[in-house]
Amino acid sequence: MANIAPLAKGKILEIRGQRVMLDSDLAALYEVETKALLQQVRRNGKRFPDDFMFRLSSEEWKILRSQTVTSSSGWGGRRSLPFALTELGVAMLSSVLRSERAIAINIEIMRAFVALRQGAQALDEITKRLDELERLTGSKLTAHERQLAEILSALRQLAAAPPKLRHPIGFRVRDSD
C-alpha cells in the first residue's frame, strides 16, 4: 500500500484547539461511504466519547466550507453537520473497522498525527529560541546605545569652541625702546 501519510496530513484540521479529521475525509481514505463509517461509529457509541469525536457546529461548518470548495446542502452535498474525530477517535476506528485496508490506513493516519505533533514541537522550540535571542540582543543593543550616546556627548564637548587660554604659550619678544 502506498504511503498515505501525506494525504492524511493534509486532511488534519484544527478545530476547537484539537487536531481532527472529518468523517467524510476518513471515509474517503478508508474507501467507504461516510454513511457506512458513521453507522459503525454509532453501533459502537460507547467507544467514542466527546473527547474522541464531536459534531461540528453550524458556524464551524460554515467557516470550513468557505475555506474549501464543497457542494451546497441543497445540491447533493451534506444534509447534516459533519463529525470531527480527534486523534483518539481515529485510533479507536481501528477497533471498529476491521478490514486490512482500515488497519493500514489507521497506521498511516497515526503517523501523520505524530509527524504534525513533532513539527509543532519543533516550531515551539524555534519560537522559544528566537524569543531568547531577541531578549539577549535587545538588552545588548540598549547597553550599546547608551555607550554610544555617552561617546557622542563627549565628542560634542570636544568639538565645542576651544577654551580661551589665559597666557599664550611661547616667548614674547619685547620691543626695545
N, C-alpha and C. Protein backbone atom coordinates (compact mmCIF):
# COMPACT_ATOMS: atom_id res chain seq x y z
N MET A 1 0.84 -1.18 0.00
CA MET A 1 0.00 0.00 0.00
C MET A 1 0.88 1.24 0.00
N ALA A 2 0.51 2.20 -0.79
CA ALA A 2 1.28 3.45 -0.88
C ALA A 2 1.18 4.21 0.44
N ASN A 3 2.19 5.01 0.68
CA ASN A 3 2.23 5.82 1.89
C ASN A 3 1.18 6.93 1.79
N ILE A 4 0.15 6.86 2.59
CA ILE A 4 -0.91 7.86 2.53
C ILE A 4 -0.74 8.93 3.60
N ALA A 5 0.33 8.85 4.40
CA ALA A 5 0.54 9.83 5.47
C ALA A 5 0.48 11.27 4.94
N PRO A 6 1.13 11.58 3.78
CA PRO A 6 1.00 12.96 3.28
C PRO A 6 -0.45 13.33 2.95
N LEU A 7 -1.22 12.39 2.42
CA LEU A 7 -2.63 12.66 2.14
C LEU A 7 -3.40 12.90 3.42
N ALA A 8 -3.15 12.06 4.41
CA ALA A 8 -3.85 12.20 5.69
C ALA A 8 -3.45 13.49 6.37
N LYS A 9 -2.17 13.85 6.30
CA LYS A 9 -1.70 15.07 6.96
C LYS A 9 -2.42 16.29 6.41
N GLY A 10 -2.70 16.28 5.12
CA GLY A 10 -3.41 17.39 4.51
C GLY A 10 -4.87 17.48 4.94
N LYS A 11 -5.40 16.41 5.49
CA LYS A 11 -6.80 16.37 5.91
C LYS A 11 -6.96 16.61 7.42
N ILE A 12 -5.86 16.75 8.12
CA ILE A 12 -5.94 17.00 9.56
C ILE A 12 -6.15 18.50 9.77
N LEU A 13 -7.22 18.83 10.46
CA LEU A 13 -7.60 20.22 10.69
C LEU A 13 -7.48 20.54 12.18
N GLU A 14 -7.46 21.82 12.49
CA GLU A 14 -7.50 22.20 13.90
C GLU A 14 -8.84 22.89 14.16
N ILE A 15 -9.63 22.25 15.01
CA ILE A 15 -10.94 22.77 15.38
C ILE A 15 -11.07 22.66 16.89
N ARG A 16 -11.53 23.74 17.50
CA ARG A 16 -11.68 23.80 18.97
C ARG A 16 -10.37 23.49 19.68
N GLY A 17 -9.28 23.87 19.07
CA GLY A 17 -7.97 23.67 19.68
C GLY A 17 -7.47 22.23 19.62
N GLN A 18 -8.12 21.40 18.83
CA GLN A 18 -7.72 20.00 18.70
C GLN A 18 -7.48 19.66 17.24
N ARG A 19 -6.55 18.76 17.01
CA ARG A 19 -6.34 18.27 15.65
C ARG A 19 -7.34 17.16 15.40
N VAL A 20 -8.09 17.30 14.30
CA VAL A 20 -9.17 16.36 13.99
C VAL A 20 -9.18 16.04 12.50
N MET A 21 -9.93 15.02 12.17
CA MET A 21 -10.23 14.70 10.78
C MET A 21 -11.74 14.58 10.66
N LEU A 22 -12.27 15.06 9.54
CA LEU A 22 -13.71 14.99 9.32
C LEU A 22 -14.11 13.58 8.92
N ASP A 23 -15.32 13.22 9.26
CA ASP A 23 -15.83 11.88 8.94
C ASP A 23 -15.76 11.59 7.44
N SER A 24 -16.07 12.57 6.60
CA SER A 24 -16.07 12.35 5.15
C SER A 24 -14.65 12.12 4.62
N ASP A 25 -13.67 12.82 5.19
CA ASP A 25 -12.28 12.61 4.77
C ASP A 25 -11.79 11.23 5.17
N LEU A 26 -12.17 10.80 6.37
CA LEU A 26 -11.80 9.46 6.83
C LEU A 26 -12.46 8.40 5.95
N ALA A 27 -13.73 8.60 5.65
CA ALA A 27 -14.45 7.63 4.80
C ALA A 27 -13.77 7.52 3.44
N ALA A 28 -13.33 8.65 2.88
CA ALA A 28 -12.65 8.61 1.58
C ALA A 28 -11.34 7.84 1.68
N LEU A 29 -10.58 8.04 2.75
CA LEU A 29 -9.32 7.31 2.92
C LEU A 29 -9.56 5.81 3.09
N TYR A 30 -10.62 5.46 3.84
CA TYR A 30 -10.95 4.05 4.05
C TYR A 30 -11.67 3.44 2.85
N GLU A 31 -12.04 4.29 1.89
CA GLU A 31 -12.78 3.86 0.71
C GLU A 31 -14.12 3.23 1.07
N VAL A 32 -14.83 3.92 1.98
CA VAL A 32 -16.19 3.53 2.34
C VAL A 32 -17.05 4.79 2.29
N GLU A 33 -18.34 4.63 2.26
CA GLU A 33 -19.23 5.78 2.29
C GLU A 33 -19.22 6.37 3.70
N THR A 34 -19.38 7.67 3.78
CA THR A 34 -19.44 8.35 5.08
C THR A 34 -20.55 7.74 5.93
N LYS A 35 -21.67 7.46 5.29
CA LYS A 35 -22.83 6.87 5.97
C LYS A 35 -22.44 5.54 6.63
N ALA A 36 -21.67 4.72 5.93
CA ALA A 36 -21.26 3.41 6.48
C ALA A 36 -20.30 3.59 7.65
N LEU A 37 -19.38 4.54 7.53
CA LEU A 37 -18.42 4.80 8.60
C LEU A 37 -19.16 5.26 9.86
N LEU A 38 -20.09 6.20 9.69
CA LEU A 38 -20.84 6.71 10.84
C LEU A 38 -21.76 5.64 11.44
N GLN A 39 -22.25 4.75 10.61
CA GLN A 39 -23.09 3.66 11.11
C GLN A 39 -22.27 2.78 12.06
N GLN A 40 -21.04 2.47 11.69
CA GLN A 40 -20.17 1.67 12.56
C GLN A 40 -19.86 2.42 13.86
N VAL A 41 -19.64 3.71 13.74
CA VAL A 41 -19.36 4.51 14.93
C VAL A 41 -20.58 4.52 15.86
N ARG A 42 -21.77 4.71 15.30
CA ARG A 42 -22.99 4.72 16.11
C ARG A 42 -23.23 3.37 16.79
N ARG A 43 -22.95 2.30 16.08
CA ARG A 43 -23.12 0.95 16.66
C ARG A 43 -22.19 0.74 17.85
N ASN A 44 -21.09 1.46 17.87
CA ASN A 44 -20.10 1.33 18.94
C ASN A 44 -19.95 2.67 19.68
N GLY A 45 -21.07 3.29 19.96
CA GLY A 45 -21.09 4.64 20.54
C GLY A 45 -20.31 4.79 21.83
N LYS A 46 -20.27 3.75 22.66
CA LYS A 46 -19.55 3.85 23.93
C LYS A 46 -18.04 4.00 23.71
N ARG A 47 -17.56 3.63 22.55
CA ARG A 47 -16.12 3.74 22.25
C ARG A 47 -15.73 5.14 21.79
N PHE A 48 -16.71 6.02 21.59
CA PHE A 48 -16.44 7.35 21.04
C PHE A 48 -17.01 8.45 21.93
N PRO A 49 -16.40 8.66 23.10
CA PRO A 49 -16.86 9.76 23.96
C PRO A 49 -16.55 11.11 23.32
N ASP A 50 -16.97 12.17 23.98
CA ASP A 50 -16.84 13.52 23.42
C ASP A 50 -15.41 13.92 23.12
N ASP A 51 -14.44 13.40 23.85
CA ASP A 51 -13.06 13.78 23.57
C ASP A 51 -12.46 12.96 22.42
N PHE A 52 -13.22 12.01 21.88
CA PHE A 52 -12.79 11.23 20.72
C PHE A 52 -13.46 11.74 19.44
N MET A 53 -14.67 12.30 19.60
CA MET A 53 -15.45 12.70 18.43
C MET A 53 -16.50 13.72 18.85
N PHE A 54 -16.74 14.69 17.99
CA PHE A 54 -17.79 15.67 18.25
C PHE A 54 -18.36 16.14 16.93
N ARG A 55 -19.60 16.62 16.99
CA ARG A 55 -20.26 17.15 15.79
C ARG A 55 -19.91 18.63 15.69
N LEU A 56 -19.57 19.08 14.48
CA LEU A 56 -19.25 20.49 14.26
C LEU A 56 -20.51 21.33 14.43
N SER A 57 -20.32 22.55 14.90
CA SER A 57 -21.45 23.48 14.97
C SER A 57 -21.69 24.02 13.56
N SER A 58 -22.85 24.62 13.35
CA SER A 58 -23.13 25.15 12.02
C SER A 58 -22.15 26.28 11.68
N GLU A 59 -21.72 27.05 12.65
CA GLU A 59 -20.75 28.13 12.39
C GLU A 59 -19.39 27.54 11.98
N GLU A 60 -18.95 26.50 12.69
CA GLU A 60 -17.67 25.85 12.33
C GLU A 60 -17.74 25.27 10.92
N TRP A 61 -18.86 24.65 10.60
CA TRP A 61 -19.03 24.05 9.28
C TRP A 61 -19.06 25.11 8.20
N LYS A 62 -19.71 26.22 8.50
CA LYS A 62 -19.78 27.33 7.55
C LYS A 62 -18.36 27.87 7.26
N ILE A 63 -17.57 28.02 8.30
CA ILE A 63 -16.18 28.50 8.13
C ILE A 63 -15.37 27.51 7.31
N LEU A 64 -15.50 26.23 7.63
CA LEU A 64 -14.76 25.20 6.88
C LEU A 64 -15.18 25.17 5.42
N ARG A 65 -16.48 25.29 5.17
CA ARG A 65 -16.97 25.27 3.79
C ARG A 65 -16.49 26.48 3.02
N SER A 66 -16.33 27.61 3.70
CA SER A 66 -15.85 28.80 3.00
C SER A 66 -14.36 28.68 2.68
N GLN A 67 -13.64 27.87 3.45
CA GLN A 67 -12.20 27.69 3.21
C GLN A 67 -11.93 26.65 2.14
N THR A 68 -12.86 25.73 1.95
CA THR A 68 -12.70 24.69 0.94
C THR A 68 -13.91 24.71 0.02
N VAL A 69 -13.74 24.23 -1.16
CA VAL A 69 -14.85 24.20 -2.11
C VAL A 69 -15.64 22.91 -1.88
N THR A 70 -16.86 23.06 -1.39
CA THR A 70 -17.73 21.90 -1.20
C THR A 70 -19.09 22.24 -1.79
N SER A 71 -19.83 21.22 -2.10
CA SER A 71 -21.15 21.47 -2.67
C SER A 71 -22.10 21.93 -1.58
N SER A 72 -23.10 22.65 -1.97
CA SER A 72 -24.08 23.14 -1.00
C SER A 72 -25.01 21.99 -0.61
N SER A 73 -25.64 22.15 0.55
CA SER A 73 -26.50 21.07 1.04
C SER A 73 -27.73 20.86 0.15
N GLY A 74 -28.12 21.84 -0.63
CA GLY A 74 -29.29 21.71 -1.49
C GLY A 74 -28.99 21.00 -2.80
N TRP A 75 -27.74 20.80 -3.12
CA TRP A 75 -27.38 20.24 -4.43
C TRP A 75 -26.49 19.01 -4.30
N GLY A 76 -26.84 18.09 -3.48
CA GLY A 76 -26.12 16.84 -3.39
C GLY A 76 -25.03 16.82 -2.33
N GLY A 77 -24.89 17.88 -1.59
CA GLY A 77 -23.88 17.92 -0.53
C GLY A 77 -24.41 17.31 0.75
N ARG A 78 -23.75 17.58 1.85
CA ARG A 78 -24.18 17.07 3.15
C ARG A 78 -25.50 17.67 3.56
N ARG A 79 -26.28 16.87 4.22
CA ARG A 79 -27.54 17.37 4.75
C ARG A 79 -27.50 17.46 6.27
N SER A 80 -26.40 17.02 6.86
CA SER A 80 -26.23 17.12 8.32
C SER A 80 -24.81 17.61 8.60
N LEU A 81 -24.64 18.12 9.79
CA LEU A 81 -23.31 18.62 10.17
C LEU A 81 -22.35 17.44 10.33
N PRO A 82 -21.10 17.62 9.88
CA PRO A 82 -20.14 16.51 9.96
C PRO A 82 -19.63 16.29 11.38
N PHE A 83 -19.09 15.12 11.57
CA PHE A 83 -18.42 14.78 12.82
C PHE A 83 -16.93 14.99 12.61
N ALA A 84 -16.27 15.40 13.68
CA ALA A 84 -14.81 15.53 13.68
C ALA A 84 -14.28 14.50 14.67
N LEU A 85 -13.33 13.70 14.22
CA LEU A 85 -12.74 12.70 15.08
C LEU A 85 -11.34 13.16 15.47
N THR A 86 -11.07 13.15 16.77
CA THR A 86 -9.75 13.53 17.26
C THR A 86 -8.79 12.37 16.99
N GLU A 87 -7.54 12.58 17.33
CA GLU A 87 -6.54 11.51 17.14
C GLU A 87 -6.97 10.25 17.88
N LEU A 88 -7.53 10.42 19.07
CA LEU A 88 -8.00 9.25 19.83
C LEU A 88 -9.17 8.58 19.12
N GLY A 89 -10.05 9.37 18.54
CA GLY A 89 -11.19 8.81 17.81
C GLY A 89 -10.75 8.04 16.58
N VAL A 90 -9.76 8.59 15.88
CA VAL A 90 -9.25 7.89 14.70
C VAL A 90 -8.60 6.58 15.12
N ALA A 91 -7.87 6.60 16.22
CA ALA A 91 -7.25 5.36 16.71
C ALA A 91 -8.33 4.34 17.08
N MET A 92 -9.42 4.81 17.66
CA MET A 92 -10.49 3.90 18.04
C MET A 92 -11.16 3.29 16.81
N LEU A 93 -11.15 3.99 15.69
CA LEU A 93 -11.74 3.43 14.47
C LEU A 93 -11.12 2.09 14.10
N SER A 94 -9.84 1.91 14.45
CA SER A 94 -9.19 0.64 14.09
C SER A 94 -9.85 -0.55 14.79
N SER A 95 -10.48 -0.32 15.93
CA SER A 95 -11.17 -1.44 16.59
C SER A 95 -12.58 -1.63 16.06
N VAL A 96 -13.09 -0.63 15.34
CA VAL A 96 -14.45 -0.70 14.80
C VAL A 96 -14.42 -1.17 13.36
N LEU A 97 -13.50 -0.63 12.58
CA LEU A 97 -13.35 -1.03 11.18
C LEU A 97 -12.23 -2.06 11.11
N ARG A 98 -12.56 -3.26 10.73
CA ARG A 98 -11.59 -4.35 10.87
C ARG A 98 -10.98 -4.85 9.57
N SER A 99 -11.20 -4.19 8.48
CA SER A 99 -10.64 -4.66 7.22
C SER A 99 -9.13 -4.41 7.19
N GLU A 100 -8.45 -5.11 6.30
CA GLU A 100 -7.00 -4.92 6.14
C GLU A 100 -6.70 -3.48 5.75
N ARG A 101 -7.52 -2.94 4.86
CA ARG A 101 -7.32 -1.55 4.43
C ARG A 101 -7.46 -0.60 5.62
N ALA A 102 -8.47 -0.82 6.46
CA ALA A 102 -8.70 0.05 7.62
C ALA A 102 -7.49 0.03 8.55
N ILE A 103 -6.91 -1.14 8.75
CA ILE A 103 -5.74 -1.25 9.62
C ILE A 103 -4.57 -0.47 9.02
N ALA A 104 -4.32 -0.68 7.73
CA ALA A 104 -3.21 0.01 7.07
C ALA A 104 -3.41 1.52 7.06
N ILE A 105 -4.63 1.96 6.79
CA ILE A 105 -4.94 3.39 6.75
C ILE A 105 -4.76 3.99 8.14
N ASN A 106 -5.25 3.29 9.18
CA ASN A 106 -5.10 3.80 10.54
C ASN A 106 -3.63 3.99 10.93
N ILE A 107 -2.80 3.07 10.54
CA ILE A 107 -1.37 3.19 10.85
C ILE A 107 -0.81 4.45 10.20
N GLU A 108 -1.16 4.68 8.95
CA GLU A 108 -0.66 5.85 8.24
C GLU A 108 -1.22 7.15 8.83
N ILE A 109 -2.48 7.14 9.22
CA ILE A 109 -3.07 8.34 9.83
C ILE A 109 -2.39 8.64 11.15
N MET A 110 -2.13 7.63 11.95
CA MET A 110 -1.43 7.84 13.22
C MET A 110 -0.04 8.43 12.97
N ARG A 111 0.63 7.95 11.93
CA ARG A 111 1.94 8.52 11.58
C ARG A 111 1.82 9.99 11.19
N ALA A 112 0.75 10.32 10.50
CA ALA A 112 0.54 11.73 10.11
C ALA A 112 0.31 12.60 11.34
N PHE A 113 -0.49 12.11 12.29
CA PHE A 113 -0.71 12.87 13.53
C PHE A 113 0.61 13.07 14.28
N VAL A 114 1.41 12.02 14.36
CA VAL A 114 2.70 12.12 15.06
C VAL A 114 3.62 13.11 14.35
N ALA A 115 3.65 13.06 13.03
CA ALA A 115 4.50 13.99 12.27
C ALA A 115 4.07 15.43 12.50
N LEU A 116 2.77 15.68 12.53
CA LEU A 116 2.28 17.04 12.82
C LEU A 116 2.66 17.48 14.23
N ARG A 117 2.53 16.58 15.19
CA ARG A 117 2.89 16.90 16.57
C ARG A 117 4.37 17.22 16.68
N GLN A 118 5.22 16.44 16.01
CA GLN A 118 6.66 16.69 16.04
C GLN A 118 6.99 18.02 15.37
N GLY A 119 6.29 18.32 14.28
CA GLY A 119 6.50 19.60 13.61
C GLY A 119 6.11 20.77 14.50
N ALA A 120 5.01 20.62 15.22
CA ALA A 120 4.56 21.67 16.13
C ALA A 120 5.55 21.86 17.27
N GLN A 121 6.10 20.75 17.78
CA GLN A 121 7.10 20.85 18.86
C GLN A 121 8.36 21.53 18.36
N ALA A 122 8.78 21.21 17.15
CA ALA A 122 9.96 21.85 16.57
C ALA A 122 9.71 23.35 16.39
N LEU A 123 8.52 23.71 15.95
CA LEU A 123 8.18 25.12 15.78
C LEU A 123 8.17 25.84 17.13
N ASP A 124 7.65 25.20 18.17
CA ASP A 124 7.66 25.79 19.51
C ASP A 124 9.10 26.03 19.98
N GLU A 125 9.97 25.08 19.72
CA GLU A 125 11.38 25.20 20.12
C GLU A 125 12.05 26.36 19.38
N ILE A 126 11.78 26.47 18.09
CA ILE A 126 12.35 27.58 17.30
C ILE A 126 11.83 28.91 17.83
N THR A 127 10.55 28.98 18.14
CA THR A 127 9.96 30.20 18.68
C THR A 127 10.61 30.59 20.01
N LYS A 128 10.83 29.61 20.88
CA LYS A 128 11.48 29.88 22.16
C LYS A 128 12.89 30.41 21.95
N ARG A 129 13.62 29.80 21.03
CA ARG A 129 14.99 30.25 20.76
C ARG A 129 15.01 31.65 20.18
N LEU A 130 14.08 31.96 19.30
CA LEU A 130 14.01 33.31 18.73
C LEU A 130 13.67 34.34 19.81
N ASP A 131 12.75 33.99 20.71
CA ASP A 131 12.41 34.90 21.81
C ASP A 131 13.63 35.16 22.69
N GLU A 132 14.37 34.11 23.00
CA GLU A 132 15.57 34.25 23.83
C GLU A 132 16.62 35.10 23.12
N LEU A 133 16.81 34.87 21.83
CA LEU A 133 17.77 35.66 21.05
C LEU A 133 17.36 37.12 21.01
N GLU A 134 16.08 37.36 20.83
CA GLU A 134 15.58 38.73 20.80
C GLU A 134 15.79 39.41 22.16
N ARG A 135 15.54 38.67 23.23
CA ARG A 135 15.73 39.22 24.58
C ARG A 135 17.20 39.57 24.81
N LEU A 136 18.10 38.66 24.47
CA LEU A 136 19.53 38.91 24.65
C LEU A 136 20.02 40.04 23.77
N THR A 137 19.63 40.02 22.53
CA THR A 137 20.07 41.04 21.58
C THR A 137 19.51 42.40 21.97
N GLY A 138 18.25 42.42 22.37
CA GLY A 138 17.62 43.67 22.76
C GLY A 138 18.32 44.32 23.93
N SER A 139 18.70 43.55 24.96
CA SER A 139 19.38 44.13 26.13
C SER A 139 20.78 44.60 25.76
N LYS A 140 21.45 43.90 24.88
CA LYS A 140 22.80 44.33 24.48
C LYS A 140 22.73 45.59 23.63
N LEU A 141 21.74 45.68 22.75
CA LEU A 141 21.61 46.89 21.95
C LEU A 141 21.35 48.10 22.83
N THR A 142 20.55 47.93 23.85
CA THR A 142 20.26 49.03 24.76
C THR A 142 21.53 49.50 25.45
N ALA A 143 22.35 48.59 25.92
CA ALA A 143 23.61 48.95 26.58
C ALA A 143 24.54 49.63 25.58
N HIS A 144 24.63 49.11 24.38
CA HIS A 144 25.48 49.71 23.34
C HIS A 144 24.98 51.11 22.97
N GLU A 145 23.68 51.25 22.87
CA GLU A 145 23.12 52.55 22.53
C GLU A 145 23.48 53.59 23.59
N ARG A 146 23.43 53.19 24.89
CA ARG A 146 23.80 54.11 25.97
C ARG A 146 25.27 54.51 25.85
N GLN A 147 26.12 53.53 25.60
CA GLN A 147 27.55 53.81 25.46
C GLN A 147 27.80 54.75 24.27
N LEU A 148 27.12 54.52 23.17
CA LEU A 148 27.28 55.39 22.01
C LEU A 148 26.82 56.81 22.32
N ALA A 149 25.75 56.95 23.07
CA ALA A 149 25.26 58.27 23.45
C ALA A 149 26.29 59.01 24.30
N GLU A 150 26.94 58.29 25.23
CA GLU A 150 27.98 58.90 26.06
C GLU A 150 29.17 59.33 25.22
N ILE A 151 29.57 58.51 24.28
CA ILE A 151 30.71 58.85 23.41
C ILE A 151 30.38 60.07 22.56
N LEU A 152 29.17 60.10 22.00
CA LEU A 152 28.76 61.25 21.20
C LEU A 152 28.73 62.53 22.03
N SER A 153 28.29 62.44 23.26
CA SER A 153 28.25 63.60 24.15
C SER A 153 29.67 64.12 24.40
N ALA A 154 30.59 63.19 24.66
CA ALA A 154 31.99 63.59 24.90
C ALA A 154 32.57 64.22 23.64
N LEU A 155 32.27 63.66 22.47
CA LEU A 155 32.78 64.23 21.22
C LEU A 155 32.21 65.63 20.97
N ARG A 156 30.96 65.85 21.32
CA ARG A 156 30.36 67.18 21.15
C ARG A 156 31.06 68.21 22.04
N GLN A 157 31.37 67.79 23.24
CA GLN A 157 32.07 68.70 24.16
C GLN A 157 33.45 69.06 23.60
N LEU A 158 34.13 68.08 23.05
CA LEU A 158 35.45 68.33 22.48
C LEU A 158 35.36 69.21 21.24
N ALA A 159 34.28 69.05 20.48
CA ALA A 159 34.14 69.81 19.24
C ALA A 159 33.69 71.25 19.51
N ALA A 160 33.25 71.54 20.71
CA ALA A 160 32.81 72.90 21.03
C ALA A 160 34.02 73.83 20.93
N ALA A 161 33.77 75.14 20.92
CA ALA A 161 34.86 76.12 20.79
C ALA A 161 35.91 75.88 21.86
N PRO A 162 37.17 75.91 21.45
CA PRO A 162 38.23 75.66 22.45
C PRO A 162 38.21 76.76 23.52
N PRO A 163 38.54 76.41 24.73
CA PRO A 163 38.53 77.43 25.79
C PRO A 163 39.64 78.46 25.55
N LYS A 164 39.43 79.70 26.00
CA LYS A 164 40.44 80.75 25.83
C LYS A 164 41.56 80.49 26.81
N LEU A 165 42.77 80.60 26.29
CA LEU A 165 43.94 80.39 27.15
C LEU A 165 44.24 81.69 27.89
N ARG A 166 44.67 81.58 29.12
CA ARG A 166 45.00 82.76 29.91
C ARG A 166 46.30 83.37 29.44
N HIS A 167 47.25 82.53 29.22
CA HIS A 167 48.56 83.01 28.77
C HIS A 167 48.92 82.27 27.50
N PRO A 168 49.29 83.02 26.54
CA PRO A 168 49.71 82.32 25.35
C PRO A 168 50.99 81.54 25.62
N ILE A 169 51.11 80.47 24.92
CA ILE A 169 52.28 79.64 25.10
C ILE A 169 53.39 80.20 24.21
N GLY A 170 54.59 80.18 24.73
CA GLY A 170 55.73 80.63 23.95
C GLY A 170 56.36 81.88 24.56
N PHE A 171 57.40 82.40 23.90
CA PHE A 171 58.10 83.59 24.38
C PHE A 171 57.54 84.80 23.69
N ARG A 172 57.55 85.85 24.46
CA ARG A 172 57.12 87.10 23.91
C ARG A 172 58.34 87.99 23.71
N VAL A 173 58.37 88.48 22.57
CA VAL A 173 59.52 89.34 22.30
C VAL A 173 59.11 90.76 22.71
N ARG A 174 60.02 91.42 23.48
CA ARG A 174 59.72 92.77 23.90
C ARG A 174 60.31 93.75 22.91
N ASP A 175 59.58 94.75 22.71
CA ASP A 175 60.10 95.80 21.84
C ASP A 175 61.11 96.60 22.66
N SER A 176 62.21 96.86 22.06
CA SER A 176 63.14 97.68 22.79
C SER A 176 62.91 99.14 22.46
N ASP A 177 63.10 99.95 23.44
CA ASP A 177 62.84 101.35 23.22
C ASP A 177 64.06 102.03 22.82
